[in-house]
Amino acid sequence: MKPRYRLNIQPKYPPHQPLAGDWAGVEKGTGYEFWGLRKYLPGDSYRHIDWKARARSGELYVREFLRDSAYTLMLLVDVSDSMGYGRKLSLAQDIAASLAYSALQNSNPCGLLLFTDRVIDYLAPSAAPRQYQRLLGMLQKSRPVHCRETRLQPAIDHLTALVPSCLGVILSDFHGQLGSLNSLHSVAARDRSPAHEMLALHLLEQVEWQLPNLSGQVTIQDLETGEDLTLDLAQQQRYQVAVRRWRQHRVRQLAAAGIDSTAIIADQDNVQEKINALFARRLAARV
């Protein structure tokens, strides 16, 4: 099955994987990205001698490079009740399948984790030939699961316990609790190249992003708690401001834990462009 979107995955940080791949890792070895210079030692290849440094210093120096490595892609997909509204879960399935195809096509291991307020299912990362079919089957069988409130923290804890390093993509409407995300924040704070590099895609229906221009009162239901709320559409301007502020707060919470994010609106034609732009923007900000 061909993916719906053509996605260009670009890690911001060097991967920690020992596997050979197309990306410069964090260890020195055979590769193309320059690491630094050191003094020549007996047995070093003459091909690596930096003759400009020799001319400046009068001593022999050799160039060292970062070892080429592969990244591990982990997809964390929210399958809570609220994701069953509209086509959010279908959109998450399409995006996850497209990301997996892009990673596996270039021999990068890929895995999948489904979560609500707990971990629902887990597929360990692999670059095996049949991994895409396994992952696709798990996605296609996924259905909204009832829970009182979506929680991201158990999924993050499960991931960091089982996968030593990865590029993780969270696909959710982020209507629930994020938790403290302390484990990710502490890693990002002490290391310019965190072992678990994460980004988030906020998947929303158009009506969740902006109310239609209507009047009167409507009753809406929280799909996870079952609570009914009456919304006075005459106050929709105030509602839009409150929702926008809440979304901005959620983005800041994720950013504080080192998680870059962007909003994806269902039924819009710019899904592929927005995801590729997020990867490109993160890579351009690499320090």
Protein backbone atom coordinates (compact mmCIF):
# COMPACT_ATOMS: atom_id res chain seq x y z
CA MET A 1 0.00 0.00 0.00
CA LYS A 2 1.47 3.36 -1.05
CA PRO A 3 1.44 6.18 1.53
CA ARG A 4 -0.96 9.07 1.09
CA TYR A 5 1.69 11.73 1.77
CA ARG A 6 5.30 12.11 0.64
CA LEU A 7 7.08 13.16 3.81
CA ASN A 8 10.71 14.20 4.10
CA ILE A 9 11.86 13.17 7.59
CA GLN A 10 14.80 15.26 8.80
CA PRO A 11 16.08 14.80 12.37
CA LYS A 12 17.26 17.99 14.03
CA TYR A 13 19.93 16.25 16.10
CA PRO A 14 22.51 13.57 15.21
CA PRO A 15 21.05 10.09 15.85
CA HIS A 16 22.48 7.90 18.62
CA GLN A 17 21.97 4.63 16.70
CA PRO A 18 25.03 2.39 16.13
CA LEU A 19 23.47 1.27 12.82
CA ALA A 20 24.91 2.56 9.55
CA GLY A 21 22.71 5.07 7.76
CA ASP A 22 22.45 8.36 5.90
CA TRP A 23 22.74 10.74 8.88
CA ALA A 24 25.80 11.97 10.80
CA GLY A 25 25.74 10.42 14.27
CA VAL A 26 27.23 11.55 17.57
CA GLU A 27 30.32 9.31 17.52
CA LYS A 28 33.51 9.69 15.50
CA GLY A 29 34.03 7.25 12.64
CA THR A 30 33.64 6.81 8.91
CA GLY A 31 31.39 9.50 7.47
CA TYR A 32 31.17 12.80 5.62
CA GLU A 33 30.40 15.42 8.29
CA PHE A 34 33.55 17.09 9.66
CA TRP A 35 34.19 16.62 13.40
CA GLY A 36 37.57 18.28 14.02
CA LEU A 37 41.35 18.06 13.81
CA ARG A 38 43.85 16.11 15.87
CA LYS A 39 47.58 15.56 15.64
CA TYR A 40 48.80 12.89 13.25
CA LEU A 41 49.59 9.49 14.79
CA PRO A 42 51.58 6.63 13.22
CA GLY A 43 49.20 4.51 11.16
CA ASP A 44 46.81 7.35 10.24
CA SER A 45 45.85 7.50 6.57
CA TYR A 46 47.60 10.19 4.54
CA ARG A 47 44.24 10.81 2.85
CA HIS A 48 42.99 12.44 6.06
CA ILE A 49 45.90 14.83 6.55
CA ASP A 50 44.82 18.48 6.53
CA TRP A 51 47.56 20.14 4.50
CA LYS A 52 46.29 23.65 5.20
CA ALA A 53 46.72 23.05 8.94
CA ARG A 54 50.19 21.66 8.17
CA ALA A 55 51.08 24.87 6.32
CA ARG A 56 49.83 27.06 9.20
CA SER A 57 51.35 25.15 12.12
CA GLY A 58 54.25 23.22 10.66
CA GLU A 59 52.84 20.02 12.21
CA LEU A 60 50.77 17.20 10.76
CA TYR A 61 47.04 17.11 11.60
CA VAL A 62 44.38 14.70 10.41
CA ARG A 63 40.66 15.40 9.86
CA GLU A 64 38.09 13.38 11.84
CA PHE A 65 34.45 12.85 10.85
CA LEU A 66 31.16 11.87 12.46
CA ARG A 67 30.13 8.27 11.84
CA ASP A 68 27.17 7.84 9.50
CA SER A 69 24.17 6.52 11.42
CA ALA A 70 20.45 5.72 11.14
CA TYR A 71 17.62 7.19 13.22
CA THR A 72 14.85 5.19 14.88
CA LEU A 73 11.38 6.61 14.20
CA MET A 74 8.73 6.05 16.88
CA LEU A 75 5.11 6.99 16.16
CA LEU A 76 2.93 7.74 19.21
CA VAL A 77 -0.72 7.77 18.09
CA ASP A 78 -3.56 8.94 20.36
CA VAL A 79 -6.55 6.56 20.02
CA SER A 80 -8.76 8.11 22.73
CA ASP A 81 -12.49 8.82 22.21
CA SER A 82 -11.93 12.43 21.14
CA MET A 83 -9.78 11.24 18.21
CA GLY A 84 -12.87 9.44 16.92
CA TYR A 85 -14.58 12.77 16.22
CA GLY A 86 -14.69 13.58 12.49
CA ARG A 87 -11.77 12.06 10.64
CA LYS A 88 -8.97 12.83 13.10
CA LEU A 89 -8.08 9.18 13.70
CA SER A 90 -8.17 8.47 9.96
CA LEU A 91 -5.84 11.44 9.42
CA ALA A 92 -3.50 10.15 12.14
CA GLN A 93 -3.43 6.73 10.45
CA ASP A 94 -2.60 8.26 7.07
CA ILE A 95 0.18 10.46 8.46
CA ALA A 96 1.66 7.67 10.59
CA ALA A 97 1.68 5.26 7.63
CA SER A 98 3.35 7.90 5.44
CA LEU A 99 6.02 8.64 8.05
CA ALA A 100 6.71 4.93 8.53
CA TYR A 101 7.03 4.39 4.78
CA SER A 102 9.49 7.26 4.46
CA ALA A 103 11.67 5.95 7.32
CA LEU A 104 11.62 2.27 6.34
CA GLN A 105 12.24 3.02 2.66
CA ASN A 106 15.65 4.36 3.74
CA SER A 107 16.36 1.46 6.14
CA ASN A 108 15.65 3.44 9.32
CA PRO A 109 13.94 1.35 12.05
CA CYS A 110 10.35 2.34 12.83
CA GLY A 111 7.95 1.41 15.64
CA LEU A 112 4.43 2.30 16.80
CA LEU A 113 2.79 3.03 20.15
CA LEU A 114 -0.98 3.52 20.59
CA PHE A 115 -2.10 5.33 23.75
CA THR A 116 -5.03 6.88 25.63
CA ASP A 117 -4.57 7.37 29.38
CA ARG A 118 -2.33 4.31 29.13
CA VAL A 119 -0.44 2.35 26.51
CA ILE A 120 -2.94 0.39 24.38
CA ASP A 121 -0.55 -1.40 22.01
CA TYR A 122 3.14 -1.35 21.13
CA LEU A 123 5.17 -2.48 18.13
CA ALA A 124 8.92 -2.49 18.75
CA PRO A 125 11.03 -0.59 16.18
CA SER A 126 12.54 -2.62 13.36
CA ALA A 127 13.86 -2.12 9.85
CA ALA A 128 12.82 -5.64 8.76
CA PRO A 129 11.20 -5.96 5.30
CA ARG A 130 7.76 -6.83 6.76
CA GLN A 131 7.74 -4.06 9.39
CA TYR A 132 5.68 -1.70 7.23
CA GLN A 133 2.94 -4.31 6.80
CA ARG A 134 2.93 -5.06 10.54
CA LEU A 135 2.68 -1.36 11.36
CA LEU A 136 0.00 -0.77 8.73
CA GLY A 137 -2.08 -3.65 10.06
CA MET A 138 -1.88 -2.32 13.61
CA LEU A 139 -2.92 1.16 12.44
CA GLN A 140 -5.85 -0.10 10.37
CA LYS A 141 -7.20 -2.14 13.30
CA SER A 142 -6.98 0.79 15.74
CA ARG A 143 -10.29 2.17 16.99
CA PRO A 144 -11.19 4.92 19.52
CA VAL A 145 -10.81 3.59 23.07
CA HIS A 146 -12.86 4.99 25.96
CA CYS A 147 -10.98 6.68 28.79
CA ARG A 148 -11.80 9.41 31.27
CA GLU A 149 -8.98 11.68 30.08
CA THR A 150 -6.11 11.28 27.64
CA ARG A 151 -2.66 11.34 29.27
CA LEU A 152 0.60 11.58 27.36
CA GLN A 153 3.00 10.90 30.24
CA PRO A 154 2.46 7.08 30.44
CA ALA A 155 3.22 6.80 26.72
CA ILE A 156 6.41 8.86 27.10
CA ASP A 157 7.51 6.80 30.12
CA HIS A 158 6.89 3.56 28.20
CA LEU A 159 8.83 4.84 25.20
CA THR A 160 11.88 6.06 27.11
CA ALA A 161 12.02 2.81 29.12
CA LEU A 162 12.02 0.53 26.05
CA VAL A 163 13.72 2.59 23.32
CA PRO A 164 17.15 4.01 24.26
CA SER A 165 17.03 6.71 21.57
CA CYS A 166 14.65 7.75 18.82
CA LEU A 167 12.99 10.45 16.76
CA GLY A 168 9.43 10.43 18.10
CA VAL A 169 6.33 11.91 16.47
CA ILE A 170 3.21 12.37 18.62
CA LEU A 171 -0.10 12.45 16.72
CA SER A 172 -2.94 13.70 18.92
CA ASP A 173 -5.59 16.39 19.33
CA PHE A 174 -3.98 17.16 22.72
CA HIS A 175 -7.31 17.57 24.48
CA GLY A 176 -6.06 15.72 27.58
CA GLN A 177 -3.29 16.12 30.13
CA LEU A 178 0.34 16.33 29.08
CA GLY A 179 1.78 15.56 32.50
CA SER A 180 5.09 17.00 33.63
CA LEU A 181 7.18 15.48 30.81
CA ASN A 182 10.12 15.75 33.22
CA SER A 183 12.09 12.91 31.63
CA LEU A 184 12.19 14.61 28.24
CA HIS A 185 12.83 18.06 29.69
CA SER A 186 15.81 16.88 31.75
CA VAL A 187 17.37 15.15 28.75
CA ALA A 188 16.89 18.17 26.50
CA ALA A 189 18.28 20.54 29.14
CA ARG A 190 21.58 18.75 29.66
CA ASP A 191 22.42 17.59 26.15
CA ARG A 192 22.48 19.47 22.84
CA SER A 193 21.77 16.11 21.20
CA PRO A 194 18.97 14.50 23.26
CA ALA A 195 18.54 10.74 22.95
CA HIS A 196 14.77 11.13 22.53
CA GLU A 197 14.06 13.86 19.99
CA MET A 198 10.32 14.56 19.88
CA LEU A 199 7.87 16.58 17.82
CA ALA A 200 4.09 16.82 17.89
CA LEU A 201 1.31 17.12 15.32
CA HIS A 202 -1.94 18.66 16.67
CA LEU A 203 -4.71 16.98 14.65
CA LEU A 204 -7.96 18.97 14.71
CA GLU A 205 -11.27 19.23 12.92
CA GLN A 206 -12.05 22.62 11.35
CA VAL A 207 -14.84 23.27 13.88
CA GLU A 208 -12.34 22.70 16.73
CA TRP A 209 -9.98 25.20 15.17
CA GLN A 210 -12.64 27.85 14.45
CA LEU A 211 -16.39 27.90 15.03
CA PRO A 212 -18.68 28.58 12.05
CA ASN A 213 -20.42 31.95 11.97
CA LEU A 214 -23.76 30.93 13.51
CA SER A 215 -26.11 32.26 16.21
CA GLY A 216 -28.17 30.78 19.03
CA GLN A 217 -27.21 28.09 21.53
CA VAL A 218 -25.83 24.62 20.89
CA THR A 219 -25.16 21.70 23.22
CA ILE A 220 -21.81 19.98 22.84
CA GLN A 221 -20.50 16.87 24.57
CA ASP A 222 -17.01 16.05 25.80
CA LEU A 223 -16.39 12.69 24.13
CA GLU A 224 -14.11 11.50 26.91
CA THR A 225 -15.91 12.65 30.08
CA GLY A 226 -19.43 12.52 28.59
CA GLU A 227 -20.18 15.96 30.06
CA ASP A 228 -22.71 18.13 28.18
CA LEU A 229 -21.98 21.85 27.79
CA THR A 230 -24.20 24.62 26.42
CA LEU A 231 -22.42 27.07 24.15
CA ASP A 232 -23.92 30.49 23.42
CA LEU A 233 -22.78 31.28 19.88
CA ALA A 234 -23.41 34.97 20.51
CA GLN A 235 -20.25 34.77 22.65
CA GLN A 236 -18.23 32.92 20.03
CA GLN A 237 -15.68 35.73 19.73
CA ARG A 238 -14.78 35.31 23.39
CA TYR A 239 -14.77 31.55 22.90
CA GLN A 240 -12.36 31.82 19.95
CA VAL A 241 -9.99 33.98 22.00
CA ALA A 242 -10.10 31.51 24.91
CA VAL A 243 -9.47 28.52 22.62
CA ARG A 244 -6.59 30.30 20.89
CA ARG A 245 -4.97 31.11 24.23
CA TRP A 246 -5.42 27.52 25.40
CA ARG A 247 -3.79 26.21 22.22
CA GLN A 248 -0.89 28.63 22.63
CA HIS A 249 -0.45 27.47 26.21
CA ARG A 250 -0.35 23.84 25.06
CA VAL A 251 2.27 24.68 22.42
CA ARG A 252 4.38 26.42 25.09
CA GLN A 253 4.06 23.40 27.40
CA LEU A 254 5.37 21.11 24.66
CA ALA A 255 8.13 23.55 23.72
CA ALA A 256 9.27 23.69 27.36
CA ALA A 257 9.82 19.93 27.15
CA GLY A 258 11.80 20.32 23.91
CA ILE A 259 8.90 19.23 21.66
CA ASP A 260 8.32 21.31 18.52
CA SER A 261 4.79 21.19 17.13
CA THR A 262 2.37 22.33 14.44
CA ALA A 263 -1.41 22.17 13.93
CA ILE A 264 -2.86 20.00 11.16
CA ILE A 265 -6.50 20.64 10.22
CA ALA A 266 -8.47 17.71 8.78
CA ASP A 267 -9.79 18.12 5.21
CA GLN A 268 -7.27 20.84 4.38
CA ASP A 269 -4.96 20.29 1.41
CA ASN A 270 -1.74 21.43 3.07
CA VAL A 271 -1.06 18.44 5.35
CA GLN A 272 2.04 17.27 3.49
CA GLU A 273 3.42 20.80 3.16
CA LYS A 274 2.92 21.64 6.86
CA ILE A 275 4.65 18.49 8.10
CA ASN A 276 7.59 18.86 5.72
CA ALA A 277 7.86 22.54 6.70
CA LEU A 278 8.06 21.55 10.40
CA PHE A 279 10.94 19.15 9.71
CA ALA A 280 12.72 21.76 7.57
CA ARG A 281 12.21 24.52 10.14
CA ARG A 282 13.62 22.35 12.93
CA LEU A 283 16.66 21.39 10.85
CA ALA A 284 17.31 25.05 9.98
CA ALA A 285 17.29 25.91 13.72
CA ARG A 286 19.89 23.26 14.52
CA VAL A 287 22.80 24.65 16.52
